C-alpha atoms as a PDB file:
ATOM      1  CA  MET A   1     -13.310  10.707 -46.175  1.00  0.00           C
ATOM      2  CA  ARG A   2     -10.172   8.822 -47.166  1.00  0.00           C
ATOM      3  CA  THR A   3      -8.015  11.840 -46.247  1.00  0.00           C
ATOM      4  CA  ARG A   4      -9.632  12.067 -42.817  1.00  0.00           C
ATOM      5  CA  ARG A   5      -9.110   8.359 -42.206  1.00  0.00           C
ATOM      6  CA  TYR A   6      -5.466   8.592 -43.293  1.00  0.00           C
ATOM      7  CA  GLY A   7      -4.956  11.527 -40.951  1.00  0.00           C
ATOM      8  CA  ALA A   8      -6.475   9.586 -38.058  1.00  0.00           C
ATOM      9  CA  ILE A   9      -4.248   6.582 -38.763  1.00  0.00           C
ATOM     10  CA  LYS A  10      -1.176   8.815 -38.981  1.00  0.00           C
ATOM     11  CA  LEU A  11      -2.057  10.549 -35.714  1.00  0.00           C
ATOM     12  CA  GLY A  12      -2.719   7.197 -34.068  1.00  0.00           C
ATOM     13  CA  SER A  13       0.663   5.868 -35.172  1.00  0.00           C
ATOM     14  CA  LYS A  14       2.507   8.879 -33.776  1.00  0.00           C
ATOM     15  CA  THR A  15       0.560   8.714 -30.520  1.00  0.00           C
ATOM     16  CA  ASN A  16       1.354   5.023 -30.080  1.00  0.00           C
ATOM     17  CA  VAL A  17       5.050   5.560 -30.836  1.00  0.00           C
ATOM     18  CA  ALA A  18       5.158   8.428 -28.343  1.00  0.00           C
ATOM     19  CA  LEU A  19       3.403   6.384 -25.659  1.00  0.00           C
ATOM     20  CA  LEU A  20       5.737   3.449 -26.198  1.00  0.00           C
ATOM     21  CA  GLY A  21       8.768   5.698 -25.788  1.00  0.00           C
ATOM     22  CA  LEU A  22       7.321   7.446 -22.738  1.00  0.00           C
ATOM     23  CA  LEU A  23       6.446   4.174 -21.024  1.00  0.00           C
ATOM     24  CA  ALA A  24       9.996   2.905 -21.594  1.00  0.00           C
ATOM     25  CA  ILE A  25      11.488   6.143 -20.237  1.00  0.00           C
ATOM     26  CA  ALA A  26       9.158   6.158 -17.232  1.00  0.00           C
ATOM     27  CA  PHE A  27      10.035   2.552 -16.424  1.00  0.00           C
ATOM     28  CA  LEU A  28      13.811   2.965 -16.738  1.00  0.00           C
ATOM     29  CA  THR A  29      14.015   6.244 -14.822  1.00  0.00           C
ATOM     30  CA  GLY A  30      11.643   4.885 -12.193  1.00  0.00           C
ATOM     31  CA  TRP A  31      13.981   1.992 -11.508  1.00  0.00           C
ATOM     32  CA  LEU A  32      17.001   4.301 -11.406  1.00  0.00           C
ATOM     33  CA  ALA A  33      15.274   6.471  -8.809  1.00  0.00           C
ATOM     34  CA  PHE A  34      14.188   3.309  -6.988  1.00  0.00           C
ATOM     35  CA  ALA A  35      17.744   1.978  -6.867  1.00  0.00           C
ATOM     36  CA  PHE A  36      19.808   4.944  -5.697  1.00  0.00           C
ATOM     37  CA  GLY A  37      19.651   6.955  -2.492  1.00  0.00           C
ATOM     38  CA  THR A  38      21.964   9.835  -3.402  1.00  0.00           C
ATOM     39  CA  ALA A  39      21.035  13.316  -4.596  1.00  0.00           C
ATOM     40  CA  PRO A  40      21.729  12.645  -8.325  1.00  0.00           C
ATOM     41  CA  ALA A  41      18.762  10.248  -8.221  1.00  0.00           C
ATOM     42  CA  ARG A  42      16.617  13.373  -8.121  1.00  0.00           C
ATOM     43  CA  LEU A  43      17.256  13.892 -11.841  1.00  0.00           C
ATOM     44  CA  SER A  44      15.885  10.425 -12.596  1.00  0.00           C
ATOM     45  CA  LEU A  45      12.819  11.202 -10.510  1.00  0.00           C
ATOM     46  CA  ILE A  46      12.205  14.470 -12.384  1.00  0.00           C
ATOM     47  CA  VAL A  47      12.443  12.726 -15.769  1.00  0.00           C
ATOM     48  CA  HIS A  48      10.239   9.918 -14.440  1.00  0.00           C
ATOM     49  CA  ALA A  49       7.540  12.329 -13.263  1.00  0.00           C
ATOM     50  CA  THR A  50       7.719  14.362 -16.477  1.00  0.00           C
ATOM     51  CA  GLY A  51       7.202  11.175 -18.470  1.00  0.00           C
ATOM     52  CA  GLY A  52       4.143  10.357 -16.370  1.00  0.00           C
ATOM     53  CA  VAL A  53       2.651  13.800 -17.004  1.00  0.00           C
ATOM     54  CA  ALA A  54       3.335  13.439 -20.742  1.00  0.00           C
ATOM     55  CA  ILE A  55       1.457  10.128 -20.750  1.00  0.00           C
ATOM     56  CA  LEU A  56      -1.519  11.846 -19.123  1.00  0.00           C
ATOM     57  CA  LEU A  57      -1.407  14.629 -21.722  1.00  0.00           C
ATOM     58  CA  LEU A  58      -1.615  12.038 -24.512  1.00  0.00           C
ATOM     59  CA  LEU A  59      -4.646  10.276 -23.035  1.00  0.00           C
ATOM     60  CA  PRO A  60      -7.258  12.225 -25.082  1.00  0.00           C
ATOM     61  CA  TRP A  61      -5.623  11.070 -28.337  1.00  0.00           C
ATOM     62  CA  LYS A  62      -5.073   7.537 -27.063  1.00  0.00           C
ATOM     63  CA  SER A  63      -8.715   7.299 -25.971  1.00  0.00           C
ATOM     64  CA  MET A  64      -9.832   8.030 -29.556  1.00  0.00           C
ATOM     65  CA  ILE A  65      -7.530   5.297 -30.849  1.00  0.00           C
ATOM     66  CA  ALA A  66      -8.818   2.888 -28.196  1.00  0.00           C
ATOM     67  CA  ARG A  67     -12.454   3.583 -29.082  1.00  0.00           C
ATOM     68  CA  ARG A  68     -11.782   2.782 -32.723  1.00  0.00           C
ATOM     69  CA  GLY A  69      -9.987  -0.399 -31.728  1.00  0.00           C
ATOM     70  CA  LEU A  70     -12.782  -1.554 -29.420  1.00  0.00           C
ATOM     71  CA  ALA A  71     -15.305  -1.034 -32.210  1.00  0.00           C
ATOM     72  CA  ARG A  72     -13.546  -3.731 -34.248  1.00  0.00           C
ATOM     73  CA  PRO A  73     -13.826  -7.406 -33.196  1.00  0.00           C
ATOM     74  CA  ARG A  74     -10.270  -8.422 -32.257  1.00  0.00           C
ATOM     75  CA  GLY A  75      -8.804 -11.034 -29.983  1.00  0.00           C
ATOM     76  CA  GLY A  76      -6.904 -10.052 -26.863  1.00  0.00           C
ATOM     77  CA  ARG A  77      -8.807  -6.829 -26.224  1.00  0.00           C
ATOM     78  CA  TRP A  78      -9.041  -7.596 -22.509  1.00  0.00           C
ATOM     79  CA  ALA A  79      -5.261  -7.767 -22.280  1.00  0.00           C
ATOM     80  CA  SER A  80      -5.065  -4.319 -23.870  1.00  0.00           C
ATOM     81  CA  ILE A  81      -7.714  -2.988 -21.498  1.00  0.00           C
ATOM     82  CA  GLY A  82      -5.835  -4.536 -18.571  1.00  0.00           C
ATOM     83  CA  LEU A  83      -2.622  -2.830 -19.674  1.00  0.00           C
ATOM     84  CA  GLY A  84      -4.350   0.534 -19.822  1.00  0.00           C
ATOM     85  CA  MET A  85      -5.919   0.062 -16.397  1.00  0.00           C
ATOM     86  CA  LEU A  86      -2.597  -0.922 -14.815  1.00  0.00           C
ATOM     87  CA  VAL A  87      -0.813   2.089 -16.323  1.00  0.00           C
ATOM     88  CA  LEU A  88      -3.551   4.405 -15.036  1.00  0.00           C
ATOM     89  CA  LEU A  89      -3.438   2.723 -11.613  1.00  0.00           C
ATOM     90  CA  SER A  90       0.336   3.169 -11.437  1.00  0.00           C
ATOM     91  CA  ILE A  91       0.059   6.855 -12.378  1.00  0.00           C
ATOM     92  CA  ALA A  92      -2.803   7.430  -9.914  1.00  0.00           C
ATOM     93  CA  ALA A  93      -0.831   5.816  -7.084  1.00  0.00           C
ATOM     94  CA  GLY A  94       2.215   7.881  -8.029  1.00  0.00           C
ATOM     95  CA  LEU A  95       0.170  11.083  -7.897  1.00  0.00           C
ATOM     96  CA  GLY A  96      -1.332  10.069  -4.562  1.00  0.00           C
ATOM     97  CA  HIS A  97       2.142   9.500  -3.153  1.00  0.00           C
ATOM     98  CA  SER A  98       3.762  12.613  -4.612  1.00  0.00           C
ATOM     99  CA  THR A  99       1.020  14.922  -3.343  1.00  0.00           C
ATOM    100  CA  GLY A 100       0.662  13.097  -0.044  1.00  0.00           C
ATOM    101  CA  LEU A 101      -3.113  13.012  -0.438  1.00  0.00           C
ATOM    102  CA  VAL A 102      -3.261   9.202  -0.658  1.00  0.00           C
ATOM    103  CA  LEU A 103      -0.331   7.463   1.005  1.00  0.00           C
ATOM    104  CA  SER A 104      -1.887   4.020   1.377  1.00  0.00           C
ATOM    105  CA  TRP A 105      -4.306   1.707  -0.387  1.00  0.00           C
ATOM    106  CA  GLY A 106      -5.468  -0.655   2.309  1.00  0.00           C
ATOM    107  CA  PRO A 107      -2.440  -2.609   3.576  1.00  0.00           C
ATOM    108  CA  PHE A 108      -0.224  -1.289   0.770  1.00  0.00           C
ATOM    109  CA  SER A 109       1.560   2.035   0.506  1.00  0.00           C
ATOM    110  CA  SER A 110       0.902   4.144  -2.577  1.00  0.00           C
ATOM    111  CA  MET A 111       4.514   3.583  -3.619  1.00  0.00           C
ATOM    112  CA  GLU A 112       4.042  -0.188  -3.428  1.00  0.00           C
ATOM    113  CA  VAL A 113       0.898   0.084  -5.574  1.00  0.00           C
ATOM    114  CA  HIS A 114       2.718   2.388  -8.012  1.00  0.00           C
ATOM    115  CA  VAL A 115       5.614  -0.033  -8.451  1.00  0.00           C
ATOM    116  CA  GLY A 116       3.475  -3.184  -8.290  1.00  0.00           C
ATOM    117  CA  ALA A 117       1.104  -1.998 -11.016  1.00  0.00           C
ATOM    118  CA  ALA A 118       4.067  -1.050 -13.224  1.00  0.00           C
ATOM    119  CA  LEU A 119       5.617  -4.502 -12.796  1.00  0.00           C
ATOM    120  CA  ALA A 120       2.301  -6.227 -13.494  1.00  0.00           C
ATOM    121  CA  ALA A 121       1.956  -4.166 -16.677  1.00  0.00           C
ATOM    122  CA  ILE A 122       5.275  -5.346 -18.160  1.00  0.00           C
ATOM    123  CA  PRO A 123       4.116  -8.702 -19.639  1.00  0.00           C
ATOM    124  CA  LEU A 124       0.954  -7.072 -20.972  1.00  0.00           C
ATOM    125  CA  ALA A 125       3.016  -4.260 -22.517  1.00  0.00           C
ATOM    126  CA  VAL A 126       5.306  -6.779 -24.233  1.00  0.00           C
ATOM    127  CA  TRP A 127       2.277  -8.666 -25.557  1.00  0.00           C
ATOM    128  CA  HIS A 128       0.674  -5.429 -26.724  1.00  0.00           C
ATOM    129  CA  VAL A 129       3.776  -4.353 -28.646  1.00  0.00           C
ATOM    130  CA  VAL A 130       4.030  -7.760 -30.354  1.00  0.00           C
ATOM    131  CA  ALA A 131       0.316  -8.197 -31.087  1.00  0.00           C
ATOM    132  CA  ARG A 132      -0.426  -4.571 -31.973  1.00  0.00           C
ATOM    133  CA  ARG A 133       2.694  -3.687 -33.883  1.00  0.00           C
ATOM    134  CA  VAL A 134       3.217  -0.007 -34.508  1.00  0.00           C
ATOM    135  CA  LYS A 135       4.457   0.732 -38.010  1.00  0.00           C
ATOM    136  CA  VAL A 136       7.077   3.453 -37.810  1.00  0.00           C
ATOM    137  CA  VAL A 137       7.521   5.391 -41.049  1.00  0.00           C
ATOM    138  CA  ARG A 138      10.066   8.042 -41.982  1.00  0.00           C
ATOM    139  CA  ALA A 139       7.572  10.838 -41.273  1.00  0.00           C
ATOM    140  CA  ASP A 140       7.355   9.670 -37.647  1.00  0.00           C
ATOM    141  CA  LEU A 141      11.084  10.372 -37.275  1.00  0.00           C
ATOM    142  CA  SER A 142      11.171  13.667 -39.149  1.00  0.00           C
ATOM    143  CA  ARG A 143      12.574  16.926 -37.814  1.00  0.00           C
ATOM    144  CA  ARG A 144       9.047  18.326 -37.627  1.00  0.00           C
ATOM    145  CA  THR A 145       7.858  15.412 -35.527  1.00  0.00           C
ATOM    146  CA  PHE A 146      10.902  15.771 -33.289  1.00  0.00           C
ATOM    147  CA  MET A 147      10.156  19.457 -32.751  1.00  0.00           C
ATOM    148  CA  LYS A 148       6.534  18.717 -31.905  1.00  0.00           C
ATOM    149  CA  GLY A 149       7.650  16.032 -29.480  1.00  0.00           C
ATOM    150  CA  SER A 150      10.106  18.411 -27.839  1.00  0.00           C
ATOM    151  CA  VAL A 151       7.351  20.993 -27.378  1.00  0.00           C
ATOM    152  CA  ALA A 152       5.097  18.328 -25.859  1.00  0.00           C
ATOM    153  CA  LEU A 153       7.832  17.205 -23.460  1.00  0.00           C
ATOM    154  CA  GLY A 154       8.490  20.824 -22.550  1.00  0.00           C
ATOM    155  CA  ALA A 155       4.796  21.266 -21.777  1.00  0.00           C
ATOM    156  CA  ALA A 156       4.901  18.130 -19.624  1.00  0.00           C
ATOM    157  CA  ALA A 157       7.968  19.414 -17.751  1.00  0.00           C
ATOM    158  CA  VAL A 158       6.295  22.784 -17.129  1.00  0.00           C
ATOM    159  CA  SER A 159       3.139  21.011 -15.945  1.00  0.00           C
ATOM    160  CA  TYR A 160       5.170  18.872 -13.552  1.00  0.00           C
ATOM    161  CA  ALA A 161       7.031  21.917 -12.195  1.00  0.00           C
ATOM    162  CA  ALA A 162       3.726  23.747 -11.751  1.00  0.00           C
ATOM    163  CA  SER A 163       2.273  20.782  -9.860  1.00  0.00           C
ATOM    164  CA  GLU A 164       5.262  20.743  -7.492  1.00  0.00           C
ATOM    165  CA  ILE A 165       4.861  24.479  -6.860  1.00  0.00           C
ATOM    166  CA  LEU A 166       1.141  23.973  -6.230  1.00  0.00           C
ATOM    167  CA  VAL A 167       1.803  21.119  -3.786  1.00  0.00           C
ATOM    168  CA  ARG A 168       4.109  23.358  -1.756  1.00  0.00           C
ATOM    169  CA  ALA A 169       1.882  26.446  -2.019  1.00  0.00           C
ATOM    170  CA  ALA A 170      -1.067  24.410  -0.761  1.00  0.00           C
ATOM    171  CA  THR A 171       1.140  22.991   2.049  1.00  0.00           C
ATOM    172  CA  LEU A 172       0.217  19.457   1.051  1.00  0.00           C
ATOM    173  CA  PRO A 173       2.198  16.641   2.709  1.00  0.00           C
ATOM    174  CA  GLY A 174       4.024  16.015  -0.577  1.00  0.00           C
ATOM    175  CA  GLY A 175       5.907  19.279  -0.173  1.00  0.00           C
ATOM    176  CA  ALA A 176       8.012  17.699   2.581  1.00  0.00           C
ATOM    177  CA  ARG A 177       9.262  14.763   0.498  1.00  0.00           C
ATOM    178  CA  ARG A 178      12.946  13.904   0.349  1.00  0.00           C
ATOM    179  CA  PHE A 179      14.716  14.088  -3.027  1.00  0.00           C
ATOM    180  CA  THR A 180      13.940  10.372  -3.457  1.00  0.00           C
ATOM    181  CA  GLY A 181      10.228  11.041  -2.979  1.00  0.00           C
ATOM    182  CA  SER A 182      10.166   9.429   0.487  1.00  0.00           C
ATOM    183  CA  TYR A 183       8.430  10.829   3.576  1.00  0.00           C
ATOM    184  CA  GLU A 184      10.109  11.246   6.975  1.00  0.00           C
ATOM    185  CA  ALA A 185       8.983   8.748   9.608  1.00  0.00           C
ATOM    186  CA  GLY A 186      10.290   8.284  13.142  1.00  0.00           C
ATOM    187  CA  SER A 187      13.684   9.966  12.818  1.00  0.00           C
ATOM    188  CA  PHE A 188      15.657   9.714  16.081  1.00  0.00           C
ATOM    189  CA  GLN A 189      12.661   7.883  17.565  1.00  0.00           C
ATOM    190  CA  PRO A 190      13.400   4.160  17.229  1.00  0.00           C
ATOM    191  CA  ALA A 191      10.108   3.173  18.838  1.00  0.00           C
ATOM    192  CA  VAL A 192       8.066   4.730  16.015  1.00  0.00           C
ATOM    193  CA  MET A 193      10.366   3.967  13.089  1.00  0.00           C
ATOM    194  CA  PRO A 194       8.368   1.860  10.570  1.00  0.00           C
ATOM    195  CA  VAL A 195       9.260  -1.779  10.007  1.00  0.00           C
ATOM    196  CA  SER A 196       9.678  -3.005   6.450  1.00  0.00           C
ATOM    197  CA  SER A 197      11.195  -6.029   4.737  1.00  0.00           C
ATOM    198  CA  TRP A 198      12.134  -6.822   1.166  1.00  0.00           C
ATOM    199  CA  MET A 199       9.264  -8.605  -0.567  1.00  0.00           C
ATOM    200  CA  PHE A 200       8.394 -11.826   1.256  1.00  0.00           C
ATOM    201  CA  ASP A 201      10.956 -11.942   4.080  1.00  0.00           C
ATOM    202  CA  ALA A 202       9.241 -12.858   7.359  1.00  0.00           C
ATOM    203  CA  ILE A 203      10.658 -11.532  10.637  1.00  0.00           C
ATOM    204  CA  PRO A 204      12.769 -14.321  12.179  1.00  0.00           C
ATOM    205  CA  VAL A 205      13.253 -14.918  15.898  1.00  0.00           C
ATOM    206  CA  HIS A 206      16.830 -15.295  17.173  1.00  0.00           C
ATOM    207  CA  ASP A 207      18.058 -16.484  20.553  1.00  0.00           C
ATOM    208  CA  PRO A 208      20.611 -13.828  21.585  1.00  0.00           C
ATOM    209  CA  ASP A 209      22.629 -16.389  23.549  1.00  0.00           C
ATOM    210  CA  ALA A 210      22.834 -18.826  20.642  1.00  0.00           C
ATOM    211  CA  TRP A 211      23.251 -16.337  17.789  1.00  0.00           C
ATOM    212  CA  THR A 212      26.703 -15.888  16.270  1.00  0.00           C
ATOM    213  CA  LEU A 213      28.186 -13.839  13.451  1.00  0.00           C
ATOM    214  CA  ARG A 214      30.528 -15.689  11.112  1.00  0.00           C
ATOM    215  CA  THR A 215      33.442 -13.752   9.611  1.00  0.00           C
ATOM    216  CA  PRO A 216      36.582 -15.104   7.898  1.00  0.00           C
ATOM    217  CA  GLY A 217      38.460 -17.138  10.485  1.00  0.00           C
ATOM    218  CA  ARG A 218      36.214 -16.304  13.436  1.00  0.00           C
ATOM    219  CA  GLU A 219      32.751 -16.391  14.994  1.00  0.00           C
ATOM    220  CA  TRP A 220      31.450 -13.553  17.180  1.00  0.00           C
ATOM    221  CA  SER A 221      28.845 -13.711  19.901  1.00  0.00           C
ATOM    222  CA  LEU A 222      26.365 -10.892  20.395  1.00  0.00           C
ATOM    223  CA  ARG A 223      28.016 -10.082  23.714  1.00  0.00           C
ATOM    224  CA  GLU A 224      31.383  -9.640  21.983  1.00  0.00           C
ATOM    225  CA  LEU A 225      29.925  -7.376  19.302  1.00  0.00           C
ATOM    226  CA  ALA A 226      28.187  -5.275  21.946  1.00  0.00           C
ATOM    227  CA  THR A 227      31.584  -4.191  23.290  1.00  0.00           C
ATOM    228  CA  PHE A 228      32.150  -2.112  20.143  1.00  0.00           C
ATOM    229  CA  ASP A 229      30.884   1.457  20.217  1.00  0.00           C
ATOM    230  CA  ASP A 230      31.310   2.774  16.676  1.00  0.00           C
ATOM    231  CA  ARG A 231      28.552   5.310  15.974  1.00  0.00           C
ATOM    232  CA  MET A 232      27.032   6.645  12.801  1.00  0.00           C
ATOM    233  CA  ILE A 233      24.105   8.909  11.997  1.00  0.00           C
ATOM    234  CA  ALA A 234      22.609   7.591   8.772  1.00  0.00           C
ATOM    235  CA  THR A 235      19.333   7.717   6.881  1.00  0.00           C
ATOM    236  CA  LEU A 236      17.514   4.567   5.878  1.00  0.00           C
ATOM    237  CA  ASP A 237      15.503   5.456   2.756  1.00  0.00           C
ATOM    238  CA  CYS A 238      13.035   2.656   2.123  1.00  0.00           C
ATOM    239  CA  THR A 239      11.744   1.925  -1.363  1.00  0.00           C
ATOM    240  CA  GLY A 240       8.309   1.624   0.243  1.00  0.00           C
ATOM    241  CA  GLY A 241       8.194   5.421   0.449  1.00  0.00           C
ATOM    242  CA  PHE A 242       9.553   6.482   3.850  1.00  0.00           C
ATOM    243  CA  TYR A 243      12.903   7.502   5.293  1.00  0.00           C
ATOM    244  CA  SER A 244      14.169   7.586   8.853  1.00  0.00           C
ATOM    245  CA  THR A 245      17.394   9.023  10.264  1.00  0.00           C
ATOM    246  CA  GLN A 246      18.824   7.340  13.362  1.00  0.00           C
ATOM    247  CA  GLU A 247      22.021   7.135  15.369  1.00  0.00           C
ATOM    248  CA  TRP A 248      23.285   3.599  14.839  1.00  0.00           C
ATOM    249  CA  THR A 249      25.818   1.920  17.134  1.00  0.00           C
ATOM    250  CA  GLY A 250      27.877  -1.178  16.459  1.00  0.00           C
ATOM    251  CA  VAL A 251      31.114  -2.062  14.707  1.00  0.00           C
ATOM    252  CA  ARG A 252      32.562  -0.908  11.398  1.00  0.00           C
ATOM    253  CA  LEU A 253      33.216  -3.720   8.973  1.00  0.00           C
ATOM    254  CA  ASP A 254      36.885  -2.803   8.596  1.00  0.00           C
ATOM    255  CA  ARG A 255      37.318  -3.797  12.262  1.00  0.00           C
ATOM    256  CA  LEU A 256      35.830  -7.220  11.573  1.00  0.00           C
ATOM    257  CA  LEU A 257      37.809  -7.580   8.323  1.00  0.00           C
ATOM    258  CA  PRO A 258      41.174  -5.943   9.128  1.00  0.00           C
ATOM    259  CA  ASP A 259      43.278  -7.645   6.467  1.00  0.00           C
ATOM    260  CA  ILE A 260      40.870  -7.890   3.567  1.00  0.00           C
ATOM    261  CA  ARG A 261      42.606  -8.480   0.237  1.00  0.00           C
ATOM    262  CA  GLU A 262      39.673  -9.836  -1.721  1.00  0.00           C
ATOM    263  CA  SER A 263      37.530  -7.841  -4.156  1.00  0.00           C
ATOM    264  CA  SER A 264      34.186  -7.786  -2.415  1.00  0.00           C
ATOM    265  CA  ILE A 265      32.251  -8.246   0.802  1.00  0.00           C
ATOM    266  CA  ARG A 266      29.084 -10.343   0.956  1.00  0.00           C
ATOM    267  CA  VAL A 267      26.677  -9.685   3.838  1.00  0.00           C
ATOM    268  CA  VAL A 268      24.267 -12.563   4.478  1.00  0.00           C
ATOM    269  CA  SER A 269      20.984 -12.635   6.416  1.00  0.00           C
ATOM    270  CA  SER A 270      19.543 -15.618   8.265  1.00  0.00           C
ATOM    271  CA  THR A 271      16.710 -15.533   5.690  1.00  0.00           C
ATOM    272  CA  GLY A 272      19.145 -16.140   2.829  1.00  0.00           C
ATOM    273  CA  TYR A 273      18.937 -12.521   1.680  1.00  0.00           C
ATOM    274  CA  ASP A 274      22.332 -11.053   0.792  1.00  0.00           C
ATOM    275  CA  ARG A 275      24.026  -8.015  -0.743  1.00  0.00           C
ATOM    276  CA  ARG A 276      27.538  -7.567  -2.054  1.00  0.00           C
ATOM    277  CA  PHE A 277      29.771  -4.472  -1.608  1.00  0.00           C
ATOM    278  CA  ARG A 278      33.190  -3.281  -2.763  1.00  0.00           C
ATOM    279  CA  ALA A 279      35.970  -4.245  -0.352  1.00  0.00           C
ATOM    280  CA  GLY A 280      37.004  -0.585  -0.166  1.00  0.00           C
ATOM    281  CA  GLU A 281      33.671   0.283   1.448  1.00  0.00           C
ATOM    282  CA  ALA A 282      34.405  -1.671   4.640  1.00  0.00           C
ATOM    283  CA  GLY A 283      35.274   1.490   6.573  1.00  0.00           C
ATOM    284  CA  SER A 284      31.968   3.169   5.706  1.00  0.00           C
ATOM    285  CA  LEU A 285      29.712   0.201   6.497  1.00  0.00           C
ATOM    286  CA  LEU A 286      28.503  -0.456  10.032  1.00  0.00           C
ATOM    287  CA  LEU A 287      27.136  -3.625  11.567  1.00  0.00           C
ATOM    288  CA  ALA A 288      24.667  -2.156  14.055  1.00  0.00           C
ATOM    289  CA  THR A 289      23.410  -3.820  17.212  1.00  0.00           C
ATOM    290  CA  ARG A 290      21.726  -0.696  18.629  1.00  0.00           C
ATOM    291  CA  PHE A 291      19.906   2.410  17.416  1.00  0.00           C
ATOM    292  CA  GLY A 292      19.077   5.476  19.421  1.00  0.00           C
ATOM    293  CA  GLY A 293      20.940   3.970  22.368  1.00  0.00           C
ATOM    294  CA  THR A 294      18.634   0.931  22.558  1.00  0.00           C
ATOM    295  CA  PRO A 295      19.086  -2.624  21.237  1.00  0.00           C
ATOM    296  CA  LEU A 296      17.588  -3.391  17.861  1.00  0.00           C
ATOM    297  CA  ASP A 297      14.207  -5.090  17.930  1.00  0.00           C
ATOM    298  CA  ALA A 298      13.355  -8.054  15.710  1.00  0.00           C
ATOM    299  CA  GLY A 299      11.555  -5.963  13.103  1.00  0.00           C
ATOM    300  CA  HIS A 300      14.573  -3.713  12.663  1.00  0.00           C
ATOM    301  CA  GLY A 301      17.118  -6.500  12.362  1.00  0.00           C
ATOM    302  CA  PHE A 302      17.960  -7.884  15.833  1.00  0.00           C
ATOM    303  CA  PRO A 303      20.530  -9.152  16.646  1.00  0.00           C
ATOM    304  CA  ALA A 304      22.511  -7.192  14.012  1.00  0.00           C
ATOM    305  CA  ARG A 305      21.836  -5.321  10.796  1.00  0.00           C
ATOM    306  CA  LEU A 306      23.951  -3.580   8.214  1.00  0.00           C
ATOM    307  CA  VAL A 307      23.965   0.215   7.947  1.00  0.00           C
ATOM    308  CA  ALA A 308      24.861   1.287   4.393  1.00  0.00           C
ATOM    309  CA  PRO A 309      24.852   5.107   4.141  1.00  0.00           C
ATOM    310  CA  ASP A 310      23.645   6.687   0.882  1.00  0.00           C
ATOM    311  CA  ARG A 311      22.025   3.441  -0.252  1.00  0.00           C
ATOM    312  CA  ARG A 312      18.354   2.526  -0.419  1.00  0.00           C
ATOM    313  CA  GLY A 313      16.882   0.350   2.289  1.00  0.00           C
ATOM    314  CA  PHE A 314      17.216  -2.981   0.475  1.00  0.00           C
ATOM    315  CA  TRP A 315      21.010  -2.703   0.912  1.00  0.00           C
ATOM    316  CA  TRP A 316      20.619  -2.525   4.699  1.00  0.00           C
ATOM    317  CA  VAL A 317      20.686  -6.271   5.299  1.00  0.00           C
ATOM    318  CA  LYS A 318      18.858  -7.319   8.475  1.00  0.00           C
ATOM    319  CA  TRP A 319      19.385 -10.350  10.751  1.00  0.00           C
ATOM    320  CA  VAL A 320      22.995 -10.688   9.616  1.00  0.00           C
ATOM    321  CA  VAL A 321      24.619 -14.044  10.352  1.00  0.00           C
ATOM    322  CA  ALA A 322      27.681 -13.958   8.077  1.00  0.00           C
ATOM    323  CA  ILE A 323      30.086 -11.512   6.483  1.00  0.00           C
ATOM    324  CA  GLU A 324      32.140 -13.150   3.751  1.00  0.00           C
ATOM    325  CA  VAL A 325      34.924 -11.963   1.459  1.00  0.00           C
ATOM    326  CA  ASP A 326      35.848 -13.279  -1.973  1.00  0.00           C
ATOM    327  CA  ASP A 327      37.025 -12.197  -5.409  1.00  0.00           C
ATOM    328  CA  VAL A 328      33.602 -12.160  -7.029  1.00  0.00           C
ATOM    329  CA  PRO A 329      33.073  -8.612  -8.409  1.00  0.00           C
ATOM    330  CA  TYR A 330      30.717  -6.534  -6.257  1.00  0.00           C
ATOM    331  CA  TRP A 331      28.549  -5.840  -9.310  1.00  0.00           C
ATOM    332  CA  TRP A 332      28.045  -9.554  -9.983  1.00  0.00           C
ATOM    333  CA  GLN A 333      24.580  -9.619  -8.426  1.00  0.00           C
ATOM    334  CA  SER A 334      21.036  -8.706  -9.335  1.00  0.00           C
ATOM    335  CA  PRO A 335      20.450  -4.916  -9.154  1.00  0.00           C
ATOM    336  CA  PHE A 336      17.557  -5.773  -6.862  1.00  0.00           C
ATOM    337  CA  PRO A 337      17.325  -8.836  -4.623  1.00  0.00           C
ATOM    338  CA  VAL A 338      15.121 -11.547  -6.105  1.00  0.00           C
ATOM    339  CA  GLN A 339      14.356 -13.542  -2.963  1.00  0.00           C
END
């Protein structure tokens, strides 16, 4: 009896250590995939999805541990249950999005639910680690344990690859996803391109006759900016789960900042939202006033929005009112906007 109990405790310890590591990997790779809009982000997404599958494969063992824990009177059990429910919700929303079978949950996209549940789980996960400390012993870090873990991760990777093949063989909507996991929406059709904003930004209303753009040493009216005809075909890849390719027309930032000597460019919205870029990127950034040959509408950034190729949508600042230059390093900002 004692041997069986010891074996159960040992298995529970290894399962908890594995889950802790997998949750950390899934979170970190998820944010990497969330942050970048270039092809290398695909690797982060693959690792992220493999981690999610591995978590699912460990659920039978974790459920046995959870049942034993619930049988004992302990404080904070509802926090632990809440953590488990949020993790399962995040995984379920991720599966719904990746297969294309469930792309929305009421007013929220599956991607928003996936990310939102993961964020909500963070404080509960921290509490769980502190309150339910996992004792790691030398046996948990042995070569044998490492080999078993590698086999388990390999099985998770094969399962993920098989699921992707199945999604395409069954011609599910998920087979048409971009490498970031986003779905095409309204490309080259401005009228049907979705409208999205970062977090709580409301759509402001601007008087085109009163609006001005402030740059170092000068202010520009909308009429003056409209005389520029720089064009760029670029893909806006929104972290909400869609992407849209459009022809954008406006003025390159190197035309507005011809003699820039400072280190970085700060693009500011009328909402207070801002993003910072390297000064050397001025020639590849466009301040757009039109898309698809038509003026921007309010939802898409009228009077002017930034076009930042190969970056996720939160870099594409809308309702721009100022472009500033200074010597603050471009990386001296939150990886994701906080307002």
